[in-house]
Amino acid sequence: MEVKVQAHVAYQTRYHVVWIPKYRRKVLIEGVKEYLEKTIQTTVVDRYPDVYIIELNVQKDHVHALLEIPPKHSVSSVVGYIKGATSRTMRMHFEFLRWATALWADGFYVSTVGYDEKKIRDYIQYQEKQASGQALLASI
């Protein structure tokens, strides 16, 4: 995982995000799926040029995305924008979706992606030793 750098921050913030169509309807069929993938890509680039879509997988009744979101943006604002923009676009483009007042169900699932917990714990413990000068003494 590559460290990104912006003004006054270096980060590795990746999130696994999952959201579903309202009532978990299986509306993300062939054609709709491809259109949704392209719409998500262009929507994110237009509004959030520093947010990266690393992986995207659209199933018939849910969407998985691996997003890299810098700390200056909240996960909920980015995902909310993606869901709102894609809902409007897809309901205008596909006749069978026009009846819906909302394409997506409320909410989403998010999980952070990063190093495993043991590596983080070891790193934190090492930092404590390094700050107190013990790491230097132990290496001699």
N, C-alpha and C. Protein backbone atom coordinates (compact mmCIF):
# COMPACT_ATOMS: atom_id res chain seq x y z
N MET A 1 0.84 -1.17 0.00
CA MET A 1 0.00 0.00 0.00
C MET A 1 0.89 1.24 0.00
N GLU A 2 0.66 2.11 -0.91
CA GLU A 2 1.46 3.32 -1.08
C GLU A 2 0.96 4.44 -0.17
N VAL A 3 1.89 5.17 0.41
CA VAL A 3 1.54 6.31 1.25
C VAL A 3 1.31 7.52 0.35
N LYS A 4 0.16 8.16 0.50
CA LYS A 4 -0.17 9.38 -0.25
C LYS A 4 0.20 10.58 0.60
N VAL A 5 0.59 11.67 -0.04
CA VAL A 5 0.99 12.87 0.67
C VAL A 5 0.23 14.06 0.13
N GLN A 6 -0.34 14.83 1.04
CA GLN A 6 -0.97 16.11 0.71
C GLN A 6 -0.42 17.13 1.69
N ALA A 7 -0.87 18.36 1.60
CA ALA A 7 -0.38 19.40 2.50
C ALA A 7 -0.59 18.99 3.95
N HIS A 8 0.46 18.89 4.70
CA HIS A 8 0.45 18.62 6.15
C HIS A 8 -0.09 17.25 6.54
N VAL A 9 -0.13 16.30 5.62
CA VAL A 9 -0.61 14.97 5.99
C VAL A 9 -0.03 13.91 5.05
N ALA A 10 0.29 12.77 5.62
CA ALA A 10 0.64 11.58 4.86
C ALA A 10 -0.35 10.51 5.31
N TYR A 11 -0.92 9.76 4.37
CA TYR A 11 -2.00 8.85 4.75
C TYR A 11 -2.04 7.59 3.90
N GLN A 12 -2.65 6.57 4.47
CA GLN A 12 -3.01 5.32 3.81
C GLN A 12 -4.40 4.97 4.30
N THR A 13 -5.40 5.60 3.79
CA THR A 13 -6.76 5.37 4.28
C THR A 13 -7.61 4.73 3.19
N ARG A 14 -7.79 3.46 3.32
CA ARG A 14 -8.62 2.71 2.37
C ARG A 14 -9.82 2.14 3.10
N TYR A 15 -10.95 2.13 2.41
CA TYR A 15 -12.20 1.68 3.00
C TYR A 15 -12.89 0.69 2.07
N HIS A 16 -13.40 -0.39 2.65
CA HIS A 16 -14.26 -1.32 1.94
C HIS A 16 -15.70 -0.87 2.21
N VAL A 17 -16.41 -0.49 1.16
CA VAL A 17 -17.76 0.05 1.29
C VAL A 17 -18.73 -0.84 0.53
N VAL A 18 -19.87 -1.13 1.14
CA VAL A 18 -20.92 -1.93 0.50
C VAL A 18 -22.24 -1.21 0.67
N TRP A 19 -23.02 -1.11 -0.43
CA TRP A 19 -24.37 -0.57 -0.33
C TRP A 19 -25.29 -1.37 -1.24
N ILE A 20 -26.60 -1.26 -0.97
CA ILE A 20 -27.57 -2.12 -1.66
C ILE A 20 -28.69 -1.26 -2.26
N PRO A 21 -29.35 -1.80 -3.31
CA PRO A 21 -30.55 -1.13 -3.81
C PRO A 21 -31.68 -1.23 -2.78
N LYS A 22 -32.59 -0.29 -2.85
CA LYS A 22 -33.73 -0.28 -1.92
C LYS A 22 -34.47 -1.61 -2.00
N TYR A 23 -34.81 -2.15 -0.86
CA TYR A 23 -35.49 -3.45 -0.71
C TYR A 23 -34.67 -4.61 -1.28
N ARG A 24 -33.38 -4.38 -1.48
CA ARG A 24 -32.44 -5.38 -2.01
C ARG A 24 -32.93 -5.97 -3.34
N ARG A 25 -33.60 -5.13 -4.12
CA ARG A 25 -34.08 -5.59 -5.44
C ARG A 25 -32.90 -5.89 -6.35
N LYS A 26 -33.04 -6.89 -7.19
CA LYS A 26 -31.98 -7.30 -8.10
C LYS A 26 -32.09 -6.51 -9.41
N VAL A 27 -31.78 -5.21 -9.32
CA VAL A 27 -31.93 -4.33 -10.48
C VAL A 27 -30.62 -4.05 -11.19
N LEU A 28 -29.50 -4.48 -10.63
CA LEU A 28 -28.20 -4.19 -11.22
C LEU A 28 -27.81 -5.31 -12.20
N ILE A 29 -28.62 -5.44 -13.23
CA ILE A 29 -28.46 -6.51 -14.22
C ILE A 29 -27.49 -6.05 -15.31
N GLU A 30 -27.22 -6.93 -16.27
CA GLU A 30 -26.32 -6.59 -17.37
C GLU A 30 -26.79 -5.31 -18.05
N GLY A 31 -25.86 -4.49 -18.44
CA GLY A 31 -26.19 -3.19 -19.02
C GLY A 31 -26.27 -2.14 -17.95
N VAL A 32 -27.09 -2.38 -16.95
CA VAL A 32 -27.20 -1.46 -15.81
C VAL A 32 -25.89 -1.50 -15.02
N LYS A 33 -25.36 -2.69 -14.86
CA LYS A 33 -24.12 -2.88 -14.11
C LYS A 33 -22.98 -2.08 -14.75
N GLU A 34 -22.79 -2.23 -16.04
CA GLU A 34 -21.71 -1.53 -16.75
C GLU A 34 -21.91 -0.02 -16.70
N TYR A 35 -23.16 0.43 -16.86
CA TYR A 35 -23.45 1.85 -16.79
C TYR A 35 -23.16 2.41 -15.40
N LEU A 36 -23.52 1.65 -14.37
CA LEU A 36 -23.26 2.06 -12.99
C LEU A 36 -21.76 2.19 -12.73
N GLU A 37 -20.98 1.21 -13.20
CA GLU A 37 -19.53 1.26 -13.00
C GLU A 37 -18.93 2.52 -13.62
N LYS A 38 -19.33 2.83 -14.86
CA LYS A 38 -18.82 4.04 -15.52
C LYS A 38 -19.29 5.30 -14.81
N THR A 39 -20.53 5.30 -14.37
CA THR A 39 -21.09 6.47 -13.67
C THR A 39 -20.37 6.70 -12.34
N ILE A 40 -20.08 5.66 -11.61
CA ILE A 40 -19.35 5.81 -10.34
C ILE A 40 -17.97 6.39 -10.61
N GLN A 41 -17.28 5.86 -11.61
CA GLN A 41 -15.94 6.35 -11.93
C GLN A 41 -15.96 7.85 -12.26
N THR A 42 -16.86 8.27 -13.13
CA THR A 42 -16.90 9.68 -13.54
C THR A 42 -17.41 10.57 -12.42
N THR A 43 -18.36 10.08 -11.63
CA THR A 43 -18.90 10.86 -10.52
C THR A 43 -17.82 11.18 -9.50
N VAL A 44 -17.03 10.19 -9.14
CA VAL A 44 -15.99 10.39 -8.14
C VAL A 44 -14.92 11.35 -8.67
N VAL A 45 -14.50 11.16 -9.90
CA VAL A 45 -13.46 12.02 -10.48
C VAL A 45 -13.92 13.47 -10.57
N ASP A 46 -15.17 13.69 -10.95
CA ASP A 46 -15.69 15.05 -11.09
C ASP A 46 -15.75 15.78 -9.76
N ARG A 47 -16.23 15.14 -8.73
CA ARG A 47 -16.46 15.81 -7.43
C ARG A 47 -15.28 15.69 -6.48
N TYR A 48 -14.65 14.51 -6.46
CA TYR A 48 -13.55 14.24 -5.54
C TYR A 48 -12.34 13.72 -6.33
N PRO A 49 -11.55 14.59 -6.93
CA PRO A 49 -10.42 14.12 -7.75
C PRO A 49 -9.33 13.41 -6.96
N ASP A 50 -9.29 13.60 -5.65
CA ASP A 50 -8.26 12.95 -4.84
C ASP A 50 -8.76 11.66 -4.16
N VAL A 51 -9.97 11.23 -4.50
CA VAL A 51 -10.49 9.94 -4.03
C VAL A 51 -10.28 8.93 -5.16
N TYR A 52 -9.74 7.77 -4.80
CA TYR A 52 -9.44 6.76 -5.80
C TYR A 52 -10.30 5.52 -5.60
N ILE A 53 -10.80 4.99 -6.70
CA ILE A 53 -11.53 3.72 -6.68
C ILE A 53 -10.53 2.65 -7.05
N ILE A 54 -10.16 1.83 -6.08
CA ILE A 54 -9.15 0.81 -6.30
C ILE A 54 -9.78 -0.44 -6.88
N GLU A 55 -10.89 -0.84 -6.34
CA GLU A 55 -11.66 -2.00 -6.84
C GLU A 55 -13.13 -1.65 -6.82
N LEU A 56 -13.86 -2.19 -7.78
CA LEU A 56 -15.30 -2.00 -7.83
C LEU A 56 -15.93 -3.28 -8.35
N ASN A 57 -16.93 -3.79 -7.61
CA ASN A 57 -17.61 -5.00 -8.01
C ASN A 57 -19.10 -4.79 -7.81
N VAL A 58 -19.83 -4.86 -8.91
CA VAL A 58 -21.28 -4.66 -8.87
C VAL A 58 -21.96 -6.01 -9.05
N GLN A 59 -22.74 -6.42 -8.05
CA GLN A 59 -23.55 -7.64 -8.12
C GLN A 59 -24.99 -7.22 -8.42
N LYS A 60 -25.88 -8.18 -8.61
CA LYS A 60 -27.27 -7.85 -8.95
C LYS A 60 -27.98 -7.09 -7.84
N ASP A 61 -27.59 -7.34 -6.57
CA ASP A 61 -28.29 -6.70 -5.47
C ASP A 61 -27.39 -5.98 -4.47
N HIS A 62 -26.14 -5.72 -4.83
CA HIS A 62 -25.26 -4.92 -3.98
C HIS A 62 -24.01 -4.48 -4.73
N VAL A 63 -23.33 -3.49 -4.15
CA VAL A 63 -22.11 -2.94 -4.75
C VAL A 63 -21.01 -2.98 -3.70
N HIS A 64 -19.84 -3.49 -4.10
CA HIS A 64 -18.64 -3.46 -3.26
C HIS A 64 -17.67 -2.47 -3.89
N ALA A 65 -17.06 -1.62 -3.06
CA ALA A 65 -16.05 -0.70 -3.56
C ALA A 65 -14.91 -0.62 -2.56
N LEU A 66 -13.69 -0.59 -3.09
CA LEU A 66 -12.52 -0.32 -2.26
C LEU A 66 -12.07 1.09 -2.63
N LEU A 67 -12.24 2.01 -1.70
CA LEU A 67 -11.98 3.42 -1.95
C LEU A 67 -10.81 3.92 -1.11
N GLU A 68 -10.00 4.75 -1.70
CA GLU A 68 -8.96 5.44 -0.94
C GLU A 68 -9.42 6.89 -0.80
N ILE A 69 -9.75 7.27 0.42
CA ILE A 69 -10.32 8.59 0.70
C ILE A 69 -9.37 9.34 1.61
N PRO A 70 -8.91 10.53 1.20
CA PRO A 70 -7.99 11.29 2.07
C PRO A 70 -8.71 11.76 3.33
N PRO A 71 -7.95 12.04 4.39
CA PRO A 71 -8.54 12.43 5.67
C PRO A 71 -9.37 13.71 5.61
N LYS A 72 -9.18 14.54 4.61
CA LYS A 72 -9.95 15.79 4.55
C LYS A 72 -11.40 15.57 4.15
N HIS A 73 -11.73 14.38 3.64
CA HIS A 73 -13.12 14.05 3.28
C HIS A 73 -13.65 12.98 4.22
N SER A 74 -14.92 13.10 4.60
CA SER A 74 -15.50 12.03 5.41
C SER A 74 -16.00 10.93 4.49
N VAL A 75 -15.95 9.71 5.00
CA VAL A 75 -16.42 8.55 4.23
C VAL A 75 -17.89 8.72 3.89
N SER A 76 -18.68 9.18 4.85
CA SER A 76 -20.13 9.30 4.64
C SER A 76 -20.45 10.36 3.57
N SER A 77 -19.68 11.44 3.49
CA SER A 77 -19.96 12.44 2.46
C SER A 77 -19.62 11.91 1.07
N VAL A 78 -18.53 11.18 0.95
CA VAL A 78 -18.14 10.63 -0.36
C VAL A 78 -19.15 9.57 -0.81
N VAL A 79 -19.47 8.63 0.07
CA VAL A 79 -20.41 7.57 -0.29
C VAL A 79 -21.81 8.15 -0.54
N GLY A 80 -22.23 9.10 0.28
CA GLY A 80 -23.52 9.74 0.09
C GLY A 80 -23.60 10.45 -1.26
N TYR A 81 -22.53 11.11 -1.65
CA TYR A 81 -22.51 11.77 -2.95
C TYR A 81 -22.58 10.76 -4.09
N ILE A 82 -21.81 9.68 -3.97
CA ILE A 82 -21.82 8.64 -5.02
C ILE A 82 -23.22 8.06 -5.15
N LYS A 83 -23.84 7.71 -4.03
CA LYS A 83 -25.17 7.12 -4.07
C LYS A 83 -26.20 8.09 -4.64
N GLY A 84 -26.15 9.35 -4.23
CA GLY A 84 -27.11 10.33 -4.73
C GLY A 84 -26.96 10.60 -6.21
N ALA A 85 -25.72 10.80 -6.64
CA ALA A 85 -25.47 11.11 -8.05
C ALA A 85 -25.81 9.93 -8.96
N THR A 86 -25.44 8.72 -8.55
CA THR A 86 -25.73 7.56 -9.39
C THR A 86 -27.23 7.26 -9.41
N SER A 87 -27.92 7.49 -8.31
CA SER A 87 -29.37 7.26 -8.27
C SER A 87 -30.08 8.17 -9.27
N ARG A 88 -29.74 9.44 -9.25
CA ARG A 88 -30.37 10.39 -10.19
C ARG A 88 -30.06 10.02 -11.63
N THR A 89 -28.81 9.76 -11.93
CA THR A 89 -28.39 9.46 -13.30
C THR A 89 -29.03 8.19 -13.82
N MET A 90 -29.02 7.15 -13.01
CA MET A 90 -29.56 5.87 -13.46
C MET A 90 -31.07 5.90 -13.61
N ARG A 91 -31.76 6.62 -12.73
CA ARG A 91 -33.23 6.71 -12.87
C ARG A 91 -33.61 7.50 -14.10
N MET A 92 -32.79 8.45 -14.51
CA MET A 92 -33.08 9.19 -15.76
C MET A 92 -32.75 8.34 -16.99
N HIS A 93 -31.73 7.50 -16.89
CA HIS A 93 -31.26 6.75 -18.05
C HIS A 93 -32.04 5.46 -18.31
N PHE A 94 -32.50 4.79 -17.27
CA PHE A 94 -33.19 3.51 -17.44
C PHE A 94 -34.67 3.66 -17.12
N GLU A 95 -35.49 3.32 -18.08
CA GLU A 95 -36.95 3.47 -17.97
C GLU A 95 -37.51 2.67 -16.79
N PHE A 96 -37.04 1.44 -16.60
CA PHE A 96 -37.62 0.60 -15.54
C PHE A 96 -37.23 1.06 -14.14
N LEU A 97 -36.31 2.00 -14.01
CA LEU A 97 -35.94 2.53 -12.69
C LEU A 97 -36.62 3.85 -12.38
N ARG A 98 -37.35 4.42 -13.34
CA ARG A 98 -37.96 5.74 -13.13
C ARG A 98 -39.06 5.73 -12.08
N TRP A 99 -39.69 4.62 -11.85
CA TRP A 99 -40.77 4.53 -10.86
C TRP A 99 -40.25 4.73 -9.45
N ALA A 100 -38.97 4.45 -9.23
CA ALA A 100 -38.42 4.49 -7.87
C ALA A 100 -38.17 5.92 -7.42
N THR A 101 -38.56 6.23 -6.19
CA THR A 101 -38.22 7.54 -5.63
C THR A 101 -36.77 7.56 -5.16
N ALA A 102 -36.22 6.39 -4.87
CA ALA A 102 -34.82 6.25 -4.49
C ALA A 102 -34.32 4.91 -4.99
N LEU A 103 -33.15 4.89 -5.55
CA LEU A 103 -32.58 3.64 -6.04
C LEU A 103 -31.91 2.86 -4.90
N TRP A 104 -31.20 3.56 -4.03
CA TRP A 104 -30.41 2.93 -2.99
C TRP A 104 -31.12 2.93 -1.64
N ALA A 105 -30.88 1.88 -0.87
CA ALA A 105 -31.38 1.81 0.51
C ALA A 105 -30.59 2.81 1.36
N ASP A 106 -31.19 3.21 2.48
CA ASP A 106 -30.48 4.10 3.40
C ASP A 106 -29.25 3.39 3.97
N GLY A 107 -28.20 4.15 4.19
CA GLY A 107 -27.02 3.64 4.86
C GLY A 107 -26.10 2.83 3.96
N PHE A 108 -25.02 2.37 4.57
CA PHE A 108 -24.03 1.55 3.89
C PHE A 108 -23.16 0.87 4.92
N TYR A 109 -22.39 -0.10 4.49
CA TYR A 109 -21.42 -0.77 5.36
C TYR A 109 -20.04 -0.24 5.01
N VAL A 110 -19.22 0.04 6.01
CA VAL A 110 -17.85 0.47 5.76
C VAL A 110 -16.91 -0.20 6.75
N SER A 111 -15.75 -0.59 6.25
CA SER A 111 -14.72 -1.19 7.07
C SER A 111 -13.38 -0.63 6.61
N THR A 112 -12.50 -0.35 7.56
CA THR A 112 -11.19 0.14 7.19
C THR A 112 -10.33 -1.02 6.70
N VAL A 113 -9.41 -0.71 5.81
CA VAL A 113 -8.51 -1.70 5.26
C VAL A 113 -7.10 -1.22 5.55
N GLY A 114 -6.28 -2.06 6.11
CA GLY A 114 -4.92 -1.63 6.42
C GLY A 114 -4.09 -2.80 6.87
N TYR A 115 -3.07 -2.47 7.62
CA TYR A 115 -2.20 -3.51 8.16
C TYR A 115 -2.95 -4.32 9.21
N ASP A 116 -2.49 -5.53 9.44
CA ASP A 116 -3.16 -6.33 10.45
C ASP A 116 -2.87 -5.78 11.85
N GLU A 117 -3.71 -6.13 12.80
CA GLU A 117 -3.66 -5.55 14.14
C GLU A 117 -2.33 -5.82 14.84
N LYS A 118 -1.77 -7.00 14.67
CA LYS A 118 -0.51 -7.33 15.32
C LYS A 118 0.60 -6.40 14.84
N LYS A 119 0.66 -6.14 13.55
CA LYS A 119 1.69 -5.23 13.03
C LYS A 119 1.52 -3.83 13.61
N ILE A 120 0.29 -3.38 13.73
CA ILE A 120 0.03 -2.05 14.28
C ILE A 120 0.46 -2.01 15.75
N ARG A 121 0.08 -3.03 16.50
CA ARG A 121 0.47 -3.08 17.92
C ARG A 121 1.99 -3.09 18.07
N ASP A 122 2.67 -3.92 17.27
CA ASP A 122 4.13 -3.97 17.32
C ASP A 122 4.73 -2.61 16.97
N TYR A 123 4.20 -1.97 15.96
CA TYR A 123 4.70 -0.66 15.55
C TYR A 123 4.52 0.36 16.66
N ILE A 124 3.35 0.37 17.30
CA ILE A 124 3.09 1.33 18.39
C ILE A 124 4.05 1.07 19.55
N GLN A 125 4.25 -0.20 19.89
CA GLN A 125 5.18 -0.52 20.97
C GLN A 125 6.60 -0.12 20.60
N TYR A 126 6.98 -0.31 19.37
CA TYR A 126 8.31 0.08 18.92
C TYR A 126 8.48 1.59 19.00
N GLN A 127 7.44 2.34 18.64
CA GLN A 127 7.51 3.79 18.70
C GLN A 127 7.74 4.27 20.13
N GLU A 128 7.10 3.61 21.09
CA GLU A 128 7.29 3.98 22.50
C GLU A 128 8.75 3.75 22.91
N LYS A 129 9.30 2.61 22.50
CA LYS A 129 10.71 2.32 22.80
C LYS A 129 11.63 3.32 22.11
N GLN A 130 11.31 3.65 20.88
CA GLN A 130 12.13 4.57 20.11
C GLN A 130 12.13 5.96 20.75
N ALA A 131 10.97 6.40 21.21
CA ALA A 131 10.86 7.72 21.82
C ALA A 131 11.64 7.80 23.13
N SER A 132 11.70 6.70 23.86
CA SER A 132 12.42 6.73 25.13
C SER A 132 13.90 6.39 24.98
N GLY A 133 14.34 6.09 23.75
CA GLY A 133 15.75 5.79 23.51
C GLY A 133 16.12 4.35 23.74
N GLN A 134 15.17 3.50 24.12
CA GLN A 134 15.46 2.09 24.39
C GLN A 134 15.72 1.32 23.12
N ALA A 135 15.11 1.72 22.02
CA ALA A 135 15.31 1.02 20.75
C ALA A 135 16.76 1.16 20.31
N LEU A 136 17.32 2.30 20.53
CA LEU A 136 18.71 2.55 20.17
C LEU A 136 19.65 1.69 21.02
N LEU A 137 19.39 1.62 22.31
CA LEU A 137 20.21 0.81 23.20
C LEU A 137 20.10 -0.68 22.92
N ALA A 138 18.89 -1.12 22.56
CA ALA A 138 18.66 -2.53 22.29
C ALA A 138 19.38 -2.97 21.02
N SER A 139 19.56 -2.07 20.08
CA SER A 139 20.18 -2.44 18.81
C SER A 139 21.70 -2.45 18.90
N ILE A 140 22.27 -1.91 19.99
CA ILE A 140 23.74 -1.86 20.11
C ILE A 140 24.26 -3.15 20.69
